[in-house]
Amino acid sequence: MMTNKSPFDLSGRTALVTGGNQGLGRAFAFGLAEAGATVVIVGRNQARNRAVVAAAAESGHTMTAISADITTRAAVRTMTQQAVDQLGWIDILVNNAGVCFHRESWEVPEEEWDQVFDLNVKALWNCCLEVGAHMRERGSGSIVNIGSMSGLVVNRPQSQPAYNASKAAVHQLTKSLAAEWAPLGIRVNAVAPGYVETEMTPTDLPGSDLYWYDRTPQARIARPEEIAPSVVFLASDAATFITGSVLVADGGYTAW
């Protein structure tokens, strides 16, 4: 049936965004809200959560926050139930929460490696399972995992082996769940951003001008708001025949 509604319109949809109180996650939350979705963000820092919710209200968007540490399955289960209680249901899950350390492989302590995989992979896995179970009951849903071009190439000049490995895992997990969950009506995709100007980006790193800017065809890094539309696209009906894909948004970095 043909309608006048844009396939990018998320009016009436609900979305849960982890790590939504700063940087890319904040941009994703606002991008989804601007497309019409009702959004719940998840973050550990309550002050930042409140600030984002207040900014959203000033912009006319409906957004609430859940304070949670999602590195344990029990916490993810509680967070999911809280989100369902607030939203009524969850149409869209954006797994954005993540952490990165810059350190040569010989110097990576075990606890740092574990911290990266606990948040970047295990927490994402648990969120997929808990929210995915809710989507399975409804027979529909869209999950957008935030990977990275670091899952495709080795970054320079910084060393970040744990992060690179974790994002490669996110990409493969995305494909695995997409193939398994397609018959359930659940789409699972990923966005792989290139360098983006956020609080986590060490723009003063020696050599970053050469490797981040000069080696990018567009000769710059992105603003978070430039990555958000890719998430909105994959979450929306404009992408109903897309699952198991990793959408690279890197200014052309991985083309060279």
C-alpha atoms as a PDB file:
ATOM      1  CA  MET A   1       0.000   0.000   0.000  1.00  0.00           C
ATOM      2  CA  MET A   2       1.401   3.381  -1.020  1.00  0.00           C
ATOM      3  CA  THR A   3       1.337   6.134   1.598  1.00  0.00           C
ATOM      4  CA  ASN A   4       2.583   9.695   1.840  1.00  0.00           C
ATOM      5  CA  LYS A   5       4.650   8.898   4.907  1.00  0.00           C
ATOM      6  CA  SER A   6       8.400   9.087   4.411  1.00  0.00           C
ATOM      7  CA  PRO A   7      10.162   5.748   5.005  1.00  0.00           C
ATOM      8  CA  PHE A   8      12.611   7.695   7.182  1.00  0.00           C
ATOM      9  CA  ASP A   9       9.804   8.875   9.484  1.00  0.00           C
ATOM     10  CA  LEU A  10      10.037   7.269  12.930  1.00  0.00           C
ATOM     11  CA  SER A  11       6.855   8.771  14.346  1.00  0.00           C
ATOM     12  CA  GLY A  12       5.255   6.323  16.764  1.00  0.00           C
ATOM     13  CA  ARG A  13       8.480   4.343  17.119  1.00  0.00           C
ATOM     14  CA  THR A  14      10.478   3.905  20.305  1.00  0.00           C
ATOM     15  CA  ALA A  15      14.250   3.739  20.626  1.00  0.00           C
ATOM     16  CA  LEU A  16      16.798   2.786  23.274  1.00  0.00           C
ATOM     17  CA  VAL A  17      20.321   4.203  22.920  1.00  0.00           C
ATOM     18  CA  THR A  18      23.160   2.991  25.153  1.00  0.00           C
ATOM     19  CA  GLY A  19      25.912   5.452  25.927  1.00  0.00           C
ATOM     20  CA  GLY A  20      23.495   8.161  24.890  1.00  0.00           C
ATOM     21  CA  ASN A  21      24.612  10.967  27.170  1.00  0.00           C
ATOM     22  CA  GLN A  22      27.594  12.276  25.196  1.00  0.00           C
ATOM     23  CA  GLY A  23      29.407  12.235  21.860  1.00  0.00           C
ATOM     24  CA  LEU A  24      28.062   9.946  19.179  1.00  0.00           C
ATOM     25  CA  GLY A  25      25.398   8.461  21.433  1.00  0.00           C
ATOM     26  CA  ARG A  26      23.936  11.882  22.154  1.00  0.00           C
ATOM     27  CA  ALA A  27      23.874  12.659  18.432  1.00  0.00           C
ATOM     28  CA  PHE A  28      22.151   9.331  17.722  1.00  0.00           C
ATOM     29  CA  ALA A  29      19.514   9.996  20.376  1.00  0.00           C
ATOM     30  CA  PHE A  30      18.769  13.436  18.951  1.00  0.00           C
ATOM     31  CA  GLY A  31      18.795  12.142  15.372  1.00  0.00           C
ATOM     32  CA  LEU A  32      16.210   9.490  16.222  1.00  0.00           C
ATOM     33  CA  ALA A  33      14.109  12.005  18.159  1.00  0.00           C
ATOM     34  CA  GLU A  34      14.210  14.482  15.277  1.00  0.00           C
ATOM     35  CA  ALA A  35      12.938  11.692  13.008  1.00  0.00           C
ATOM     36  CA  GLY A  36       9.957  11.302  15.338  1.00  0.00           C
ATOM     37  CA  ALA A  37      10.978   8.519  17.732  1.00  0.00           C
ATOM     38  CA  THR A  38      10.447   8.533  21.489  1.00  0.00           C
ATOM     39  CA  VAL A  39      13.901   7.911  22.940  1.00  0.00           C
ATOM     40  CA  VAL A  40      15.373   6.526  26.133  1.00  0.00           C
ATOM     41  CA  ILE A  41      19.098   6.974  26.667  1.00  0.00           C
ATOM     42  CA  VAL A  42      21.231   4.816  28.950  1.00  0.00           C
ATOM     43  CA  GLY A  43      24.369   6.049  30.692  1.00  0.00           C
ATOM     44  CA  ARG A  44      26.267   5.689  33.936  1.00  0.00           C
ATOM     45  CA  ASN A  45      26.687   9.415  34.600  1.00  0.00           C
ATOM     46  CA  GLN A  46      23.417  10.753  36.001  1.00  0.00           C
ATOM     47  CA  ALA A  47      24.402  14.398  35.625  1.00  0.00           C
ATOM     48  CA  ARG A  48      25.114  13.968  31.917  1.00  0.00           C
ATOM     49  CA  ASN A  49      21.889  11.980  31.541  1.00  0.00           C
ATOM     50  CA  ARG A  50      19.886  14.841  33.042  1.00  0.00           C
ATOM     51  CA  ALA A  51      21.650  17.394  30.851  1.00  0.00           C
ATOM     52  CA  VAL A  52      20.775  15.508  27.658  1.00  0.00           C
ATOM     53  CA  VAL A  53      17.153  15.031  28.691  1.00  0.00           C
ATOM     54  CA  ALA A  54      16.887  18.740  29.498  1.00  0.00           C
ATOM     55  CA  ALA A  55      18.438  19.719  26.166  1.00  0.00           C
ATOM     56  CA  ALA A  56      16.026  17.414  24.365  1.00  0.00           C
ATOM     57  CA  ALA A  57      13.042  18.976  26.140  1.00  0.00           C
ATOM     58  CA  GLU A  58      14.225  22.445  25.119  1.00  0.00           C
ATOM     59  CA  SER A  59      14.269  21.203  21.529  1.00  0.00           C
ATOM     60  CA  GLY A  60      10.743  19.821  21.829  1.00  0.00           C
ATOM     61  CA  HIS A  61      11.715  16.149  21.956  1.00  0.00           C
ATOM     62  CA  THR A  62      10.426  13.453  24.296  1.00  0.00           C
ATOM     63  CA  MET A  63      13.447  11.788  25.876  1.00  0.00           C
ATOM     64  CA  THR A  64      14.090  10.061  29.191  1.00  0.00           C
ATOM     65  CA  ALA A  65      17.139   8.447  30.772  1.00  0.00           C
ATOM     66  CA  ILE A  66      18.093   5.292  32.626  1.00  0.00           C
ATOM     67  CA  SER A  67      21.201   5.205  34.786  1.00  0.00           C
ATOM     68  CA  ALA A  68      22.852   1.820  34.450  1.00  0.00           C
ATOM     69  CA  ASP A  69      26.160   0.007  34.182  1.00  0.00           C
ATOM     70  CA  ILE A  70      25.429  -2.461  31.387  1.00  0.00           C
ATOM     71  CA  THR A  71      28.521  -4.627  31.814  1.00  0.00           C
ATOM     72  CA  THR A  72      26.559  -7.369  33.619  1.00  0.00           C
ATOM     73  CA  ARG A  73      23.663  -9.424  32.246  1.00  0.00           C
ATOM     74  CA  ALA A  74      21.561  -8.715  35.340  1.00  0.00           C
ATOM     75  CA  ALA A  75      21.959  -4.968  34.892  1.00  0.00           C
ATOM     76  CA  VAL A  76      21.039  -5.242  31.210  1.00  0.00           C
ATOM     77  CA  ARG A  77      17.932  -7.245  32.077  1.00  0.00           C
ATOM     78  CA  THR A  78      16.864  -4.589  34.595  1.00  0.00           C
ATOM     79  CA  MET A  79      17.657  -1.782  32.143  1.00  0.00           C
ATOM     80  CA  THR A  80      15.592  -3.451  29.430  1.00  0.00           C
ATOM     81  CA  GLN A  81      12.600  -3.862  31.714  1.00  0.00           C
ATOM     82  CA  GLN A  82      12.861  -0.220  32.791  1.00  0.00           C
ATOM     83  CA  ALA A  83      12.946   0.849  29.141  1.00  0.00           C
ATOM     84  CA  VAL A  84       9.887  -1.264  28.325  1.00  0.00           C
ATOM     85  CA  ASP A  85       8.087   0.202  31.337  1.00  0.00           C
ATOM     86  CA  GLN A  86       8.887   3.735  30.158  1.00  0.00           C
ATOM     87  CA  LEU A  87       8.300   3.240  26.436  1.00  0.00           C
ATOM     88  CA  GLY A  88       5.675   0.499  26.379  1.00  0.00           C
ATOM     89  CA  TRP A  89       7.775  -1.403  23.839  1.00  0.00           C
ATOM     90  CA  ILE A  90      11.132  -1.107  22.072  1.00  0.00           C
ATOM     91  CA  ASP A  91      11.257  -0.817  18.285  1.00  0.00           C
ATOM     92  CA  ILE A  92      14.874   0.277  17.931  1.00  0.00           C
ATOM     93  CA  LEU A  93      18.037  -0.550  19.863  1.00  0.00           C
ATOM     94  CA  VAL A  94      21.247   1.378  19.247  1.00  0.00           C
ATOM     95  CA  ASN A  95      24.235  -0.288  20.907  1.00  0.00           C
ATOM     96  CA  ASN A  96      26.628   2.639  21.169  1.00  0.00           C
ATOM     97  CA  ALA A  97      28.325   2.369  24.582  1.00  0.00           C
ATOM     98  CA  GLY A  98      32.044   1.739  24.225  1.00  0.00           C
ATOM     99  CA  VAL A  99      35.534   2.489  25.464  1.00  0.00           C
ATOM    100  CA  CYS A 100      38.976   2.758  23.862  1.00  0.00           C
ATOM    101  CA  PHE A 101      42.540   2.874  25.200  1.00  0.00           C
ATOM    102  CA  HIS A 102      45.635   3.799  23.234  1.00  0.00           C
ATOM    103  CA  ARG A 103      48.496   1.535  24.220  1.00  0.00           C
ATOM    104  CA  GLU A 104      50.988  -0.711  22.469  1.00  0.00           C
ATOM    105  CA  SER A 105      50.187  -4.416  22.662  1.00  0.00           C
ATOM    106  CA  TRP A 106      53.108  -5.175  24.991  1.00  0.00           C
ATOM    107  CA  GLU A 107      51.764  -2.686  27.502  1.00  0.00           C
ATOM    108  CA  VAL A 108      48.069  -3.628  27.556  1.00  0.00           C
ATOM    109  CA  PRO A 109      47.165  -4.872  31.048  1.00  0.00           C
ATOM    110  CA  GLU A 110      44.698  -7.724  31.282  1.00  0.00           C
ATOM    111  CA  GLU A 111      42.172  -5.639  33.181  1.00  0.00           C
ATOM    112  CA  GLU A 112      42.194  -3.031  30.402  1.00  0.00           C
ATOM    113  CA  TRP A 113      41.637  -5.676  27.723  1.00  0.00           C
ATOM    114  CA  ASP A 114      38.759  -7.064  29.790  1.00  0.00           C
ATOM    115  CA  GLN A 115      37.248  -3.610  30.243  1.00  0.00           C
ATOM    116  CA  VAL A 116      37.203  -3.031  26.482  1.00  0.00           C
ATOM    117  CA  PHE A 117      35.610  -6.389  25.672  1.00  0.00           C
ATOM    118  CA  ASP A 118      33.203  -6.253  28.613  1.00  0.00           C
ATOM    119  CA  LEU A 119      31.663  -3.014  27.340  1.00  0.00           C
ATOM    120  CA  ASN A 120      32.272  -3.058  23.590  1.00  0.00           C
ATOM    121  CA  VAL A 121      31.329  -6.702  23.001  1.00  0.00           C
ATOM    122  CA  LYS A 122      29.829  -8.467  26.012  1.00  0.00           C
ATOM    123  CA  ALA A 123      27.493  -5.615  26.994  1.00  0.00           C
ATOM    124  CA  LEU A 124      26.429  -5.241  23.367  1.00  0.00           C
ATOM    125  CA  TRP A 125      25.791  -8.998  23.177  1.00  0.00           C
ATOM    126  CA  ASN A 126      23.692  -8.913  26.349  1.00  0.00           C
ATOM    127  CA  CYS A 127      21.704  -5.897  25.143  1.00  0.00           C
ATOM    128  CA  CYS A 128      21.019  -7.662  21.853  1.00  0.00           C
ATOM    129  CA  LEU A 129      19.788 -10.744  23.677  1.00  0.00           C
ATOM    130  CA  GLU A 130      17.614  -8.995  26.249  1.00  0.00           C
ATOM    131  CA  VAL A 131      16.076  -6.415  23.918  1.00  0.00           C
ATOM    132  CA  GLY A 132      16.031  -8.954  21.091  1.00  0.00           C
ATOM    133  CA  ALA A 133      13.889 -11.290  23.201  1.00  0.00           C
ATOM    134  CA  HIS A 134      11.380  -8.458  23.596  1.00  0.00           C
ATOM    135  CA  MET A 135      11.467  -7.797  19.837  1.00  0.00           C
ATOM    136  CA  ARG A 136      10.997 -11.501  19.143  1.00  0.00           C
ATOM    137  CA  GLU A 137       7.756 -11.451  21.111  1.00  0.00           C
ATOM    138  CA  ARG A 138       6.545  -8.489  19.023  1.00  0.00           C
ATOM    139  CA  GLY A 139       7.761 -10.008  15.750  1.00  0.00           C
ATOM    140  CA  SER A 140       9.704  -6.922  14.699  1.00  0.00           C
ATOM    141  CA  GLY A 141      12.621  -4.678  15.586  1.00  0.00           C
ATOM    142  CA  SER A 142      15.729  -2.971  14.327  1.00  0.00           C
ATOM    143  CA  ILE A 143      19.093  -3.181  16.075  1.00  0.00           C
ATOM    144  CA  VAL A 144      21.930  -0.870  15.063  1.00  0.00           C
ATOM    145  CA  ASN A 145      25.313  -1.740  16.527  1.00  0.00           C
ATOM    146  CA  ILE A 146      28.045   0.865  16.497  1.00  0.00           C
ATOM    147  CA  GLY A 147      31.192  -0.701  15.119  1.00  0.00           C
ATOM    148  CA  SER A 148      34.099   1.250  13.694  1.00  0.00           C
ATOM    149  CA  MET A 149      36.394   1.471  10.718  1.00  0.00           C
ATOM    150  CA  SER A 150      38.863   0.193  13.337  1.00  0.00           C
ATOM    151  CA  GLY A 151      37.225  -3.191  12.831  1.00  0.00           C
ATOM    152  CA  LEU A 152      38.307  -3.034   9.185  1.00  0.00           C
ATOM    153  CA  VAL A 153      41.741  -1.369   9.268  1.00  0.00           C
ATOM    154  CA  VAL A 154      44.546  -0.836  11.769  1.00  0.00           C
ATOM    155  CA  ASN A 155      44.586   2.746  12.971  1.00  0.00           C
ATOM    156  CA  ARG A 156      47.627   4.982  12.848  1.00  0.00           C
ATOM    157  CA  PRO A 157      49.543   6.526  14.552  1.00  0.00           C
ATOM    158  CA  GLN A 158      47.929   5.307  17.789  1.00  0.00           C
ATOM    159  CA  SER A 159      48.052   1.687  18.962  1.00  0.00           C
ATOM    160  CA  GLN A 160      44.708   0.290  20.136  1.00  0.00           C
ATOM    161  CA  PRO A 161      44.722  -3.477  19.578  1.00  0.00           C
ATOM    162  CA  ALA A 162      41.969  -4.300  22.076  1.00  0.00           C
ATOM    163  CA  TYR A 163      39.590  -1.727  20.594  1.00  0.00           C
ATOM    164  CA  ASN A 164      40.295  -2.818  17.014  1.00  0.00           C
ATOM    165  CA  ALA A 165      39.654  -6.451  17.896  1.00  0.00           C
ATOM    166  CA  SER A 166      36.469  -5.576  19.775  1.00  0.00           C
ATOM    167  CA  LYS A 167      35.005  -3.669  16.831  1.00  0.00           C
ATOM    168  CA  ALA A 168      35.826  -6.505  14.424  1.00  0.00           C
ATOM    169  CA  ALA A 169      33.900  -8.731  16.827  1.00  0.00           C
ATOM    170  CA  VAL A 170      30.960  -6.313  16.743  1.00  0.00           C
ATOM    171  CA  HIS A 171      30.843  -6.491  12.947  1.00  0.00           C
ATOM    172  CA  GLN A 172      30.861 -10.294  12.871  1.00  0.00           C
ATOM    173  CA  LEU A 173      28.345 -10.554  15.703  1.00  0.00           C
ATOM    174  CA  THR A 174      26.090  -8.189  13.772  1.00  0.00           C
ATOM    175  CA  LYS A 175      26.181 -10.457  10.730  1.00  0.00           C
ATOM    176  CA  SER A 176      25.656 -13.594  12.824  1.00  0.00           C
ATOM    177  CA  LEU A 177      22.598 -12.259  14.628  1.00  0.00           C
ATOM    178  CA  ALA A 178      21.178 -10.778  11.427  1.00  0.00           C
ATOM    179  CA  ALA A 179      21.266 -14.160   9.712  1.00  0.00           C
ATOM    180  CA  GLU A 180      19.751 -15.954  12.691  1.00  0.00           C
ATOM    181  CA  TRP A 181      17.084 -13.398  13.577  1.00  0.00           C
ATOM    182  CA  ALA A 182      15.838 -12.426  10.104  1.00  0.00           C
ATOM    183  CA  PRO A 183      12.996 -15.015  10.261  1.00  0.00           C
ATOM    184  CA  LEU A 184      11.914 -13.395  13.542  1.00  0.00           C
ATOM    185  CA  GLY A 185      11.373 -10.007  11.911  1.00  0.00           C
ATOM    186  CA  ILE A 186      14.439  -8.482  13.581  1.00  0.00           C
ATOM    187  CA  ARG A 187      16.982  -6.628  11.469  1.00  0.00           C
ATOM    188  CA  VAL A 188      20.542  -6.240  12.788  1.00  0.00           C
ATOM    189  CA  ASN A 189      22.993  -3.861  11.154  1.00  0.00           C
ATOM    190  CA  ALA A 190      26.054  -1.853  12.121  1.00  0.00           C
ATOM    191  CA  VAL A 191      27.504   1.556  11.418  1.00  0.00           C
ATOM    192  CA  ALA A 192      31.301   1.807  11.197  1.00  0.00           C
ATOM    193  CA  PRO A 193      32.293   5.448  11.728  1.00  0.00           C
ATOM    194  CA  GLY A 194      35.673   6.846  10.858  1.00  0.00           C
ATOM    195  CA  TYR A 195      37.302   9.540  12.952  1.00  0.00           C
ATOM    196  CA  VAL A 196      34.719  11.712  14.699  1.00  0.00           C
ATOM    197  CA  GLU A 197      35.238  14.747  16.883  1.00  0.00           C
ATOM    198  CA  THR A 198      34.006  13.643  20.316  1.00  0.00           C
ATOM    199  CA  GLU A 199      35.179  13.745  23.918  1.00  0.00           C
ATOM    200  CA  MET A 200      36.962  10.421  23.362  1.00  0.00           C
ATOM    201  CA  THR A 201      38.956  11.604  20.339  1.00  0.00           C
ATOM    202  CA  PRO A 202      42.550  12.600  21.216  1.00  0.00           C
ATOM    203  CA  THR A 203      42.874  15.281  18.548  1.00  0.00           C
ATOM    204  CA  ASP A 204      46.181  16.437  20.058  1.00  0.00           C
ATOM    205  CA  LEU A 205      47.830  13.063  19.407  1.00  0.00           C
ATOM    206  CA  PRO A 206      51.191  13.542  17.615  1.00  0.00           C
ATOM    207  CA  GLY A 207      50.833  12.508  13.996  1.00  0.00           C
ATOM    208  CA  SER A 208      47.037  12.754  13.936  1.00  0.00           C
ATOM    209  CA  ASP A 209      47.098  15.542  11.338  1.00  0.00           C
ATOM    210  CA  LEU A 210      48.951  13.308   8.890  1.00  0.00           C
ATOM    211  CA  TYR A 211      47.100  10.065   9.499  1.00  0.00           C
ATOM    212  CA  TRP A 212      43.606  11.316  10.334  1.00  0.00           C
ATOM    213  CA  TYR A 213      43.189  14.350   8.127  1.00  0.00           C
ATOM    214  CA  ASP A 214      45.680  14.155   5.261  1.00  0.00           C
ATOM    215  CA  ARG A 215      45.011  10.441   4.674  1.00  0.00           C
ATOM    216  CA  THR A 216      41.237  10.941   4.547  1.00  0.00           C
ATOM    217  CA  PRO A 217      39.938  11.783   1.059  1.00  0.00           C
ATOM    218  CA  GLN A 218      37.621  14.416   2.535  1.00  0.00           C
ATOM    219  CA  ALA A 219      40.608  15.808   4.496  1.00  0.00           C
ATOM    220  CA  ARG A 220      38.745  16.150   7.802  1.00  0.00           C
ATOM    221  CA  ILE A 221      37.103  14.232  10.602  1.00  0.00           C
ATOM    222  CA  ALA A 222      33.343  14.084  11.109  1.00  0.00           C
ATOM    223  CA  ARG A 223      30.990  15.797  13.478  1.00  0.00           C
ATOM    224  CA  PRO A 224      28.759  13.403  15.475  1.00  0.00           C
ATOM    225  CA  GLU A 225      25.692  14.867  13.747  1.00  0.00           C
ATOM    226  CA  GLU A 226      27.046  13.614  10.413  1.00  0.00           C
ATOM    227  CA  ILE A 227      27.005   9.986  11.576  1.00  0.00           C
ATOM    228  CA  ALA A 228      23.536  10.090  13.150  1.00  0.00           C
ATOM    229  CA  PRO A 229      21.594   9.961   9.839  1.00  0.00           C
ATOM    230  CA  SER A 230      23.203   6.599   9.046  1.00  0.00           C
ATOM    231  CA  VAL A 231      21.762   5.224  12.276  1.00  0.00           C
ATOM    232  CA  VAL A 232      18.350   6.725  11.532  1.00  0.00           C
ATOM    233  CA  PHE A 233      18.436   5.209   8.051  1.00  0.00           C
ATOM    234  CA  LEU A 234      19.222   1.684   9.270  1.00  0.00           C
ATOM    235  CA  ALA A 235      16.608   1.962  12.031  1.00  0.00           C
ATOM    236  CA  SER A 236      13.892   3.133   9.663  1.00  0.00           C
ATOM    237  CA  ASP A 237      11.625   1.557   7.056  1.00  0.00           C
ATOM    238  CA  ALA A 238      13.958   2.946   4.409  1.00  0.00           C
ATOM    239  CA  ALA A 239      16.158  -0.050   5.254  1.00  0.00           C
ATOM    240  CA  THR A 240      13.568  -2.825   5.489  1.00  0.00           C
ATOM    241  CA  PHE A 241      15.528  -5.043   3.071  1.00  0.00           C
ATOM    242  CA  ILE A 242      18.878  -4.386   4.743  1.00  0.00           C
ATOM    243  CA  THR A 243      20.193  -6.667   7.463  1.00  0.00           C
ATOM    244  CA  GLY A 244      23.647  -7.975   8.285  1.00  0.00           C
ATOM    245  CA  SER A 245      25.267  -4.908   6.730  1.00  0.00           C
ATOM    246  CA  VAL A 246      28.106  -2.755   8.054  1.00  0.00           C
ATOM    247  CA  LEU A 247      27.629   0.791   6.779  1.00  0.00           C
ATOM    248  CA  VAL A 248      30.992   2.570   6.688  1.00  0.00           C
ATOM    249  CA  ALA A 249      30.879   6.343   7.266  1.00  0.00           C
ATOM    250  CA  ASP A 250      34.535   7.380   7.238  1.00  0.00           C
ATOM    251  CA  GLY A 251      34.995  10.214   4.746  1.00  0.00           C
ATOM    252  CA  GLY A 252      36.632   7.731   2.400  1.00  0.00           C
ATOM    253  CA  TYR A 253      39.408   6.724   4.823  1.00  0.00           C
ATOM    254  CA  THR A 254      39.207   2.986   4.126  1.00  0.00           C
ATOM    255  CA  ALA A 255      39.093   3.546   0.347  1.00  0.00           C
ATOM    256  CA  TRP A 256      42.859   4.228   0.297  1.00  0.00           C
END
